[in-house]
Amino acid sequence: MTLPNGVHDLAVPYERDGHELALHPVAVETARGLVLVDVGLPGSVPKIREALDAAGFALAEVSTVVLTHHDGDHAGALAALDAEADAFVAAHADESPYVDGREFPVKADPDGDRYPPAAVDLELVGGETLNTTVGPMRVVNTPGHSPGHVSLYLPDHRLLFAGDALVADHGDDRLHGPKPQYTPDRERAHESVGTLADLDVARTLCYHGGLVDDGTDRIAELAARPLDE
């Protein structure tokens, strides 16, 4: 499977329970630099830099960051990255308070530490379109896994960046719904799978699991299942 020219799966490695896995931030080329979709865990900037270098880019070429949501494995490195790249940051309005420190992250231990807050320059509401070299990239509201989770869709290539609204890390190269244990509002998240099923998708890039050939048919199958199945 290959991605369109101008789309780069950064596949940042990390370790969990003694196993090496990968998170999948995405860099998308535009006329004004790179859009980086999600930034990874705290301490990930060197790994992001290395992945961008392998793709032929410098960290300074990141002009915009779009967060799918505020969880620490997606937004934890934002403050450090912004200090180096001075990127314009966009996140859904319902995610922004958790990113910038006004609210404590929903799934974080309230007695523990949080990742460093960072400013959000643009609060998304859903339906926005970003211009890229590979065509329009649309913001799709997919709440449930977090209050203002968004996914991103490239209609010209029938390609979906699902964030955590869908995952592909079950070991079978198939799409699955969001992980229940990390999804506070499962009913709303299930409705969001239905929202994605309305798109014309051929392939899906998940933050957990990477690129899979599953698209609309598989997403519709997941949406049609009972919530607890």
C-alpha atoms as a PDB file:
ATOM      1  CA  MET A   1       0.000   0.000   0.000  1.00  0.00           C
ATOM      2  CA  THR A   2       1.279   3.436  -0.870  1.00  0.00           C
ATOM      3  CA  LEU A   3       0.092   6.895   0.072  1.00  0.00           C
ATOM      4  CA  PRO A   4      -0.439   9.733  -2.417  1.00  0.00           C
ATOM      5  CA  ASN A   5       2.602  11.834  -3.196  1.00  0.00           C
ATOM      6  CA  GLY A   6       2.576  14.622  -0.626  1.00  0.00           C
ATOM      7  CA  VAL A   7       1.246  12.482   2.260  1.00  0.00           C
ATOM      8  CA  HIS A   8       3.764  10.998   4.685  1.00  0.00           C
ATOM      9  CA  ASP A   9       3.059   8.480   7.439  1.00  0.00           C
ATOM     10  CA  LEU A  10       5.753   9.268  10.008  1.00  0.00           C
ATOM     11  CA  ALA A  11       5.342   5.982  11.940  1.00  0.00           C
ATOM     12  CA  VAL A  12       7.082   7.151  15.126  1.00  0.00           C
ATOM     13  CA  PRO A  13       8.363   4.184  17.211  1.00  0.00           C
ATOM     14  CA  TYR A  14       7.764   3.817  20.932  1.00  0.00           C
ATOM     15  CA  GLU A  15       7.826   1.043  23.509  1.00  0.00           C
ATOM     16  CA  ARG A  16       4.936  -0.342  25.528  1.00  0.00           C
ATOM     17  CA  ASP A  17       5.159  -3.336  27.848  1.00  0.00           C
ATOM     18  CA  GLY A  18       8.512  -4.292  26.370  1.00  0.00           C
ATOM     19  CA  HIS A  19       7.228  -4.254  22.791  1.00  0.00           C
ATOM     20  CA  GLU A  20       8.140  -1.753  20.091  1.00  0.00           C
ATOM     21  CA  LEU A  21       5.084  -0.253  18.438  1.00  0.00           C
ATOM     22  CA  ALA A  22       4.438   2.807  16.293  1.00  0.00           C
ATOM     23  CA  LEU A  23       2.269   5.871  16.469  1.00  0.00           C
ATOM     24  CA  HIS A  24       1.260   7.379  13.144  1.00  0.00           C
ATOM     25  CA  PRO A  25       1.365  11.175  12.927  1.00  0.00           C
ATOM     26  CA  VAL A  26       0.888  12.299   9.338  1.00  0.00           C
ATOM     27  CA  ALA A  27       2.623  15.080   7.438  1.00  0.00           C
ATOM     28  CA  VAL A  28       0.753  16.564   4.465  1.00  0.00           C
ATOM     29  CA  GLU A  29       2.437  18.928   2.044  1.00  0.00           C
ATOM     30  CA  THR A  30       0.956  22.352   1.280  1.00  0.00           C
ATOM     31  CA  ALA A  31       2.182  25.384  -0.635  1.00  0.00           C
ATOM     32  CA  ARG A  32       3.092  26.992   2.707  1.00  0.00           C
ATOM     33  CA  GLY A  33       4.824  24.107   4.430  1.00  0.00           C
ATOM     34  CA  LEU A  34       3.736  20.914   6.126  1.00  0.00           C
ATOM     35  CA  VAL A  35       0.536  20.208   8.007  1.00  0.00           C
ATOM     36  CA  LEU A  36       1.343  17.793  10.818  1.00  0.00           C
ATOM     37  CA  VAL A  37      -1.619  15.782  12.052  1.00  0.00           C
ATOM     38  CA  ASP A  38      -0.891  14.945  15.718  1.00  0.00           C
ATOM     39  CA  VAL A  39       2.509  15.176  17.387  1.00  0.00           C
ATOM     40  CA  GLY A  40       2.920  12.206  19.719  1.00  0.00           C
ATOM     41  CA  LEU A  41       3.882  11.645  23.325  1.00  0.00           C
ATOM     42  CA  PRO A  42       5.972  14.031  25.432  1.00  0.00           C
ATOM     43  CA  GLY A  43       9.576  13.702  24.330  1.00  0.00           C
ATOM     44  CA  SER A  44       8.654  12.747  20.767  1.00  0.00           C
ATOM     45  CA  VAL A  45      10.130  15.771  18.990  1.00  0.00           C
ATOM     46  CA  PRO A  46      13.478  14.075  18.221  1.00  0.00           C
ATOM     47  CA  LYS A  47      11.593  11.133  16.733  1.00  0.00           C
ATOM     48  CA  ILE A  48       9.339  13.449  14.719  1.00  0.00           C
ATOM     49  CA  ARG A  49      12.437  15.284  13.481  1.00  0.00           C
ATOM     50  CA  GLU A  50      14.072  12.006  12.464  1.00  0.00           C
ATOM     51  CA  ALA A  51      10.951  10.800  10.647  1.00  0.00           C
ATOM     52  CA  LEU A  52      10.599  14.093   8.796  1.00  0.00           C
ATOM     53  CA  ASP A  53      14.281  13.999   7.860  1.00  0.00           C
ATOM     54  CA  ALA A  54      13.792  10.516   6.405  1.00  0.00           C
ATOM     55  CA  ALA A  55      10.915  11.923   4.327  1.00  0.00           C
ATOM     56  CA  GLY A  56      13.120  14.759   3.081  1.00  0.00           C
ATOM     57  CA  PHE A  57      11.875  17.582   5.316  1.00  0.00           C
ATOM     58  CA  ALA A  58      13.090  19.659   8.231  1.00  0.00           C
ATOM     59  CA  LEU A  59      11.118  20.188  11.416  1.00  0.00           C
ATOM     60  CA  ALA A  60      11.095  23.918  10.645  1.00  0.00           C
ATOM     61  CA  GLU A  61       8.947  23.178   7.577  1.00  0.00           C
ATOM     62  CA  VAL A  62       6.005  22.277   9.815  1.00  0.00           C
ATOM     63  CA  SER A  63       3.790  25.334   9.439  1.00  0.00           C
ATOM     64  CA  THR A  64       0.552  23.941  10.895  1.00  0.00           C
ATOM     65  CA  VAL A  65      -0.371  21.320  13.464  1.00  0.00           C
ATOM     66  CA  VAL A  66      -3.867  19.839  13.491  1.00  0.00           C
ATOM     67  CA  LEU A  67      -4.734  17.785  16.566  1.00  0.00           C
ATOM     68  CA  THR A  68      -7.337  15.071  16.192  1.00  0.00           C
ATOM     69  CA  HIS A  69      -7.799  15.323  19.978  1.00  0.00           C
ATOM     70  CA  HIS A  70      -6.053  16.191  23.216  1.00  0.00           C
ATOM     71  CA  ASP A  71      -4.923  12.778  24.550  1.00  0.00           C
ATOM     72  CA  GLY A  72      -1.278  12.800  25.609  1.00  0.00           C
ATOM     73  CA  ASP A  73      -0.120  10.369  22.921  1.00  0.00           C
ATOM     74  CA  HIS A  74      -1.461  12.818  20.308  1.00  0.00           C
ATOM     75  CA  ALA A  75      -0.768  16.229  21.868  1.00  0.00           C
ATOM     76  CA  GLY A  76       1.909  15.598  24.492  1.00  0.00           C
ATOM     77  CA  ALA A  77       4.829  16.886  22.399  1.00  0.00           C
ATOM     78  CA  LEU A  78       3.025  19.984  21.141  1.00  0.00           C
ATOM     79  CA  ALA A  79       4.652  22.560  23.424  1.00  0.00           C
ATOM     80  CA  ALA A  80       8.151  21.285  22.651  1.00  0.00           C
ATOM     81  CA  LEU A  81       7.470  21.111  18.926  1.00  0.00           C
ATOM     82  CA  ASP A  82       5.950  24.578  18.870  1.00  0.00           C
ATOM     83  CA  ALA A  83       9.021  25.965  20.623  1.00  0.00           C
ATOM     84  CA  GLU A  84      11.141  24.744  17.706  1.00  0.00           C
ATOM     85  CA  ALA A  85       8.827  25.034  14.707  1.00  0.00           C
ATOM     86  CA  ASP A  86       6.550  27.916  15.797  1.00  0.00           C
ATOM     87  CA  ALA A  87       3.640  26.210  14.062  1.00  0.00           C
ATOM     88  CA  PHE A  88       0.047  27.419  13.807  1.00  0.00           C
ATOM     89  CA  VAL A  89      -2.041  25.057  15.949  1.00  0.00           C
ATOM     90  CA  ALA A  90      -5.623  24.006  15.230  1.00  0.00           C
ATOM     91  CA  ALA A  91      -7.854  21.842  17.425  1.00  0.00           C
ATOM     92  CA  HIS A  92     -11.573  21.460  17.919  1.00  0.00           C
ATOM     93  CA  ALA A  93     -13.129  24.012  20.258  1.00  0.00           C
ATOM     94  CA  ASP A  94     -14.122  21.201  22.637  1.00  0.00           C
ATOM     95  CA  GLU A  95     -10.498  19.990  22.794  1.00  0.00           C
ATOM     96  CA  SER A  96      -8.803  23.359  23.129  1.00  0.00           C
ATOM     97  CA  PRO A  97      -9.284  23.833  26.914  1.00  0.00           C
ATOM     98  CA  TYR A  98      -7.514  20.531  27.580  1.00  0.00           C
ATOM     99  CA  VAL A  99      -4.641  21.367  25.246  1.00  0.00           C
ATOM    100  CA  ASP A 100      -3.997  24.880  26.564  1.00  0.00           C
ATOM    101  CA  GLY A 101      -4.286  24.001  30.248  1.00  0.00           C
ATOM    102  CA  ARG A 102      -7.641  25.491  31.178  1.00  0.00           C
ATOM    103  CA  GLU A 103      -8.920  21.965  31.846  1.00  0.00           C
ATOM    104  CA  PHE A 104      -7.157  18.776  32.949  1.00  0.00           C
ATOM    105  CA  PRO A 105      -7.040  16.068  30.251  1.00  0.00           C
ATOM    106  CA  VAL A 106     -10.123  13.864  30.454  1.00  0.00           C
ATOM    107  CA  LYS A 107      -8.337  10.517  30.665  1.00  0.00           C
ATOM    108  CA  ALA A 108      -5.284  11.588  32.666  1.00  0.00           C
ATOM    109  CA  ASP A 109      -4.811  10.729  36.343  1.00  0.00           C
ATOM    110  CA  PRO A 110      -6.131  13.809  38.214  1.00  0.00           C
ATOM    111  CA  ASP A 111      -3.501  13.220  40.919  1.00  0.00           C
ATOM    112  CA  GLY A 112      -0.679  12.955  38.394  1.00  0.00           C
ATOM    113  CA  ASP A 113       1.121  15.243  36.008  1.00  0.00           C
ATOM    114  CA  ARG A 114      -0.115  16.316  32.608  1.00  0.00           C
ATOM    115  CA  TYR A 115       1.823  17.117  29.466  1.00  0.00           C
ATOM    116  CA  PRO A 116       2.921  20.763  29.080  1.00  0.00           C
ATOM    117  CA  PRO A 117       0.026  22.955  27.893  1.00  0.00           C
ATOM    118  CA  ALA A 118       0.315  24.732  24.559  1.00  0.00           C
ATOM    119  CA  ALA A 119      -1.680  27.491  22.895  1.00  0.00           C
ATOM    120  CA  VAL A 120      -4.310  26.713  20.260  1.00  0.00           C
ATOM    121  CA  ASP A 121      -4.433  29.348  17.511  1.00  0.00           C
ATOM    122  CA  LEU A 122      -7.613  28.174  15.770  1.00  0.00           C
ATOM    123  CA  GLU A 123     -10.584  26.422  17.347  1.00  0.00           C
ATOM    124  CA  LEU A 124     -12.232  24.151  14.805  1.00  0.00           C
ATOM    125  CA  VAL A 125     -15.956  23.462  14.694  1.00  0.00           C
ATOM    126  CA  GLY A 126     -15.937  20.800  11.951  1.00  0.00           C
ATOM    127  CA  GLY A 127     -16.460  21.145   8.233  1.00  0.00           C
ATOM    128  CA  GLU A 128     -13.357  23.253   7.625  1.00  0.00           C
ATOM    129  CA  THR A 129     -11.217  22.526   4.564  1.00  0.00           C
ATOM    130  CA  LEU A 130      -7.434  22.825   4.422  1.00  0.00           C
ATOM    131  CA  ASN A 131      -5.786  23.323   1.045  1.00  0.00           C
ATOM    132  CA  THR A 132      -2.942  20.877   0.384  1.00  0.00           C
ATOM    133  CA  THR A 133      -0.880  19.818  -2.615  1.00  0.00           C
ATOM    134  CA  VAL A 134      -2.923  16.607  -2.767  1.00  0.00           C
ATOM    135  CA  GLY A 135      -6.261  18.391  -2.783  1.00  0.00           C
ATOM    136  CA  PRO A 136      -8.699  19.511  -0.094  1.00  0.00           C
ATOM    137  CA  MET A 137      -8.440  18.003   3.384  1.00  0.00           C
ATOM    138  CA  ARG A 138     -11.734  18.177   5.248  1.00  0.00           C
ATOM    139  CA  VAL A 139     -12.249  18.254   9.005  1.00  0.00           C
ATOM    140  CA  VAL A 140     -14.896  15.730  10.087  1.00  0.00           C
ATOM    141  CA  ASN A 141     -16.391  15.806  13.585  1.00  0.00           C
ATOM    142  CA  THR A 142     -16.043  12.378  15.208  1.00  0.00           C
ATOM    143  CA  PRO A 143     -16.572  12.929  18.959  1.00  0.00           C
ATOM    144  CA  GLY A 144     -16.875  10.210  21.565  1.00  0.00           C
ATOM    145  CA  HIS A 145     -13.335   8.975  22.035  1.00  0.00           C
ATOM    146  CA  SER A 146     -12.831  12.505  23.342  1.00  0.00           C
ATOM    147  CA  PRO A 147     -15.227  15.473  23.519  1.00  0.00           C
ATOM    148  CA  GLY A 148     -14.160  17.120  20.256  1.00  0.00           C
ATOM    149  CA  HIS A 149     -12.306  14.396  18.377  1.00  0.00           C
ATOM    150  CA  VAL A 150     -11.960  15.081  14.654  1.00  0.00           C
ATOM    151  CA  SER A 151     -10.880  12.986  11.700  1.00  0.00           C
ATOM    152  CA  LEU A 152      -9.501  14.274   8.391  1.00  0.00           C
ATOM    153  CA  TYR A 153     -10.593  13.247   4.902  1.00  0.00           C
ATOM    154  CA  LEU A 154      -8.939  13.645   1.501  1.00  0.00           C
ATOM    155  CA  PRO A 155     -11.865  13.157  -0.918  1.00  0.00           C
ATOM    156  CA  ASP A 156      -9.701  13.306  -4.060  1.00  0.00           C
ATOM    157  CA  HIS A 157      -7.886  10.191  -2.866  1.00  0.00           C
ATOM    158  CA  ARG A 158     -10.695   8.582  -0.837  1.00  0.00           C
ATOM    159  CA  LEU A 159      -8.255   8.564   2.082  1.00  0.00           C
ATOM    160  CA  LEU A 160      -9.278   8.931   5.730  1.00  0.00           C
ATOM    161  CA  PHE A 161      -7.068   9.894   8.661  1.00  0.00           C
ATOM    162  CA  ALA A 162      -9.159   8.389  11.453  1.00  0.00           C
ATOM    163  CA  GLY A 163      -7.195   9.505  14.518  1.00  0.00           C
ATOM    164  CA  ASP A 164      -8.573   7.228  17.249  1.00  0.00           C
ATOM    165  CA  ALA A 165     -12.153   7.139  15.923  1.00  0.00           C
ATOM    166  CA  LEU A 166     -11.054   3.849  14.349  1.00  0.00           C
ATOM    167  CA  VAL A 167      -8.025   1.662  15.077  1.00  0.00           C
ATOM    168  CA  ALA A 168      -6.113  -0.958  13.097  1.00  0.00           C
ATOM    169  CA  ASP A 169      -3.823  -2.473  15.725  1.00  0.00           C
ATOM    170  CA  HIS A 170      -5.662  -5.720  16.480  1.00  0.00           C
ATOM    171  CA  GLY A 171      -3.150  -7.722  14.432  1.00  0.00           C
ATOM    172  CA  ASP A 172      -5.509  -8.590  11.580  1.00  0.00           C
ATOM    173  CA  ASP A 173      -4.979  -5.604   9.224  1.00  0.00           C
ATOM    174  CA  ARG A 174      -8.623  -4.663   9.618  1.00  0.00           C
ATOM    175  CA  LEU A 175     -10.389  -1.592  10.942  1.00  0.00           C
ATOM    176  CA  HIS A 176     -12.029  -1.768  14.349  1.00  0.00           C
ATOM    177  CA  GLY A 177     -13.999   0.712  16.398  1.00  0.00           C
ATOM    178  CA  PRO A 178     -12.370   2.910  19.053  1.00  0.00           C
ATOM    179  CA  LYS A 179     -10.986   1.105  22.073  1.00  0.00           C
ATOM    180  CA  PRO A 180     -13.763   0.956  24.698  1.00  0.00           C
ATOM    181  CA  GLN A 181     -11.433   1.331  27.685  1.00  0.00           C
ATOM    182  CA  TYR A 182     -10.175   4.670  26.335  1.00  0.00           C
ATOM    183  CA  THR A 183     -13.507   5.966  25.033  1.00  0.00           C
ATOM    184  CA  PRO A 184     -15.551   7.845  27.653  1.00  0.00           C
ATOM    185  CA  ASP A 185     -18.665   8.301  25.498  1.00  0.00           C
ATOM    186  CA  ARG A 186     -19.008   5.030  23.618  1.00  0.00           C
ATOM    187  CA  GLU A 187     -22.478   5.783  22.262  1.00  0.00           C
ATOM    188  CA  ARG A 188     -21.338   9.038  20.711  1.00  0.00           C
ATOM    189  CA  ALA A 189     -18.190   7.372  19.379  1.00  0.00           C
ATOM    190  CA  HIS A 190     -20.337   4.694  17.733  1.00  0.00           C
ATOM    191  CA  GLU A 191     -22.411   7.419  16.085  1.00  0.00           C
ATOM    192  CA  SER A 192     -19.168   8.917  14.803  1.00  0.00           C
ATOM    193  CA  VAL A 193     -18.295   5.618  13.121  1.00  0.00           C
ATOM    194  CA  GLY A 194     -21.609   6.025  11.319  1.00  0.00           C
ATOM    195  CA  THR A 195     -20.572   9.524  10.268  1.00  0.00           C
ATOM    196  CA  LEU A 196     -17.392   8.107   8.740  1.00  0.00           C
ATOM    197  CA  ALA A 197     -19.396   5.400   6.977  1.00  0.00           C
ATOM    198  CA  ASP A 198     -21.135   8.148   5.009  1.00  0.00           C
ATOM    199  CA  LEU A 199     -17.829   9.115   3.378  1.00  0.00           C
ATOM    200  CA  ASP A 200     -16.436   7.521   0.220  1.00  0.00           C
ATOM    201  CA  VAL A 201     -13.331   5.902   1.698  1.00  0.00           C
ATOM    202  CA  ALA A 202     -10.989   3.428   0.013  1.00  0.00           C
ATOM    203  CA  ARG A 203      -8.184   3.364   2.594  1.00  0.00           C
ATOM    204  CA  THR A 204      -7.822   4.438   6.193  1.00  0.00           C
ATOM    205  CA  LEU A 205      -4.767   5.602   8.104  1.00  0.00           C
ATOM    206  CA  CYS A 206      -5.210   5.066  11.847  1.00  0.00           C
ATOM    207  CA  TYR A 207      -3.004   6.596  14.512  1.00  0.00           C
ATOM    208  CA  HIS A 208      -2.850   3.158  16.105  1.00  0.00           C
ATOM    209  CA  GLY A 209      -2.162   0.582  13.421  1.00  0.00           C
ATOM    210  CA  GLY A 210      -1.296   2.668  10.383  1.00  0.00           C
ATOM    211  CA  LEU A 211      -2.599   2.307   6.839  1.00  0.00           C
ATOM    212  CA  VAL A 212      -5.126  -0.384   5.932  1.00  0.00           C
ATOM    213  CA  ASP A 213      -7.110  -1.096   2.778  1.00  0.00           C
ATOM    214  CA  ASP A 214     -10.416  -1.032   4.665  1.00  0.00           C
ATOM    215  CA  GLY A 215     -12.785   1.770   3.755  1.00  0.00           C
ATOM    216  CA  THR A 216     -16.478   2.545   3.529  1.00  0.00           C
ATOM    217  CA  ASP A 217     -17.756  -1.058   3.442  1.00  0.00           C
ATOM    218  CA  ARG A 218     -15.855  -2.048   6.563  1.00  0.00           C
ATOM    219  CA  ILE A 219     -16.718   1.194   8.375  1.00  0.00           C
ATOM    220  CA  ALA A 220     -20.405   0.684   7.567  1.00  0.00           C
ATOM    221  CA  GLU A 221     -20.153  -2.864   8.876  1.00  0.00           C
ATOM    222  CA  LEU A 222     -18.737  -1.570  12.159  1.00  0.00           C
ATOM    223  CA  ALA A 223     -21.410   1.126  12.364  1.00  0.00           C
ATOM    224  CA  ALA A 224     -24.164  -1.460  11.885  1.00  0.00           C
ATOM    225  CA  ARG A 225     -23.009  -3.637  14.760  1.00  0.00           C
ATOM    226  CA  PRO A 226     -24.647  -3.305  18.182  1.00  0.00           C
ATOM    227  CA  LEU A 227     -22.641  -1.054  20.452  1.00  0.00           C
ATOM    228  CA  ASP A 228     -21.493  -3.802  22.805  1.00  0.00           C
ATOM    229  CA  GLU A 229     -20.515  -6.303  20.115  1.00  0.00           C
END
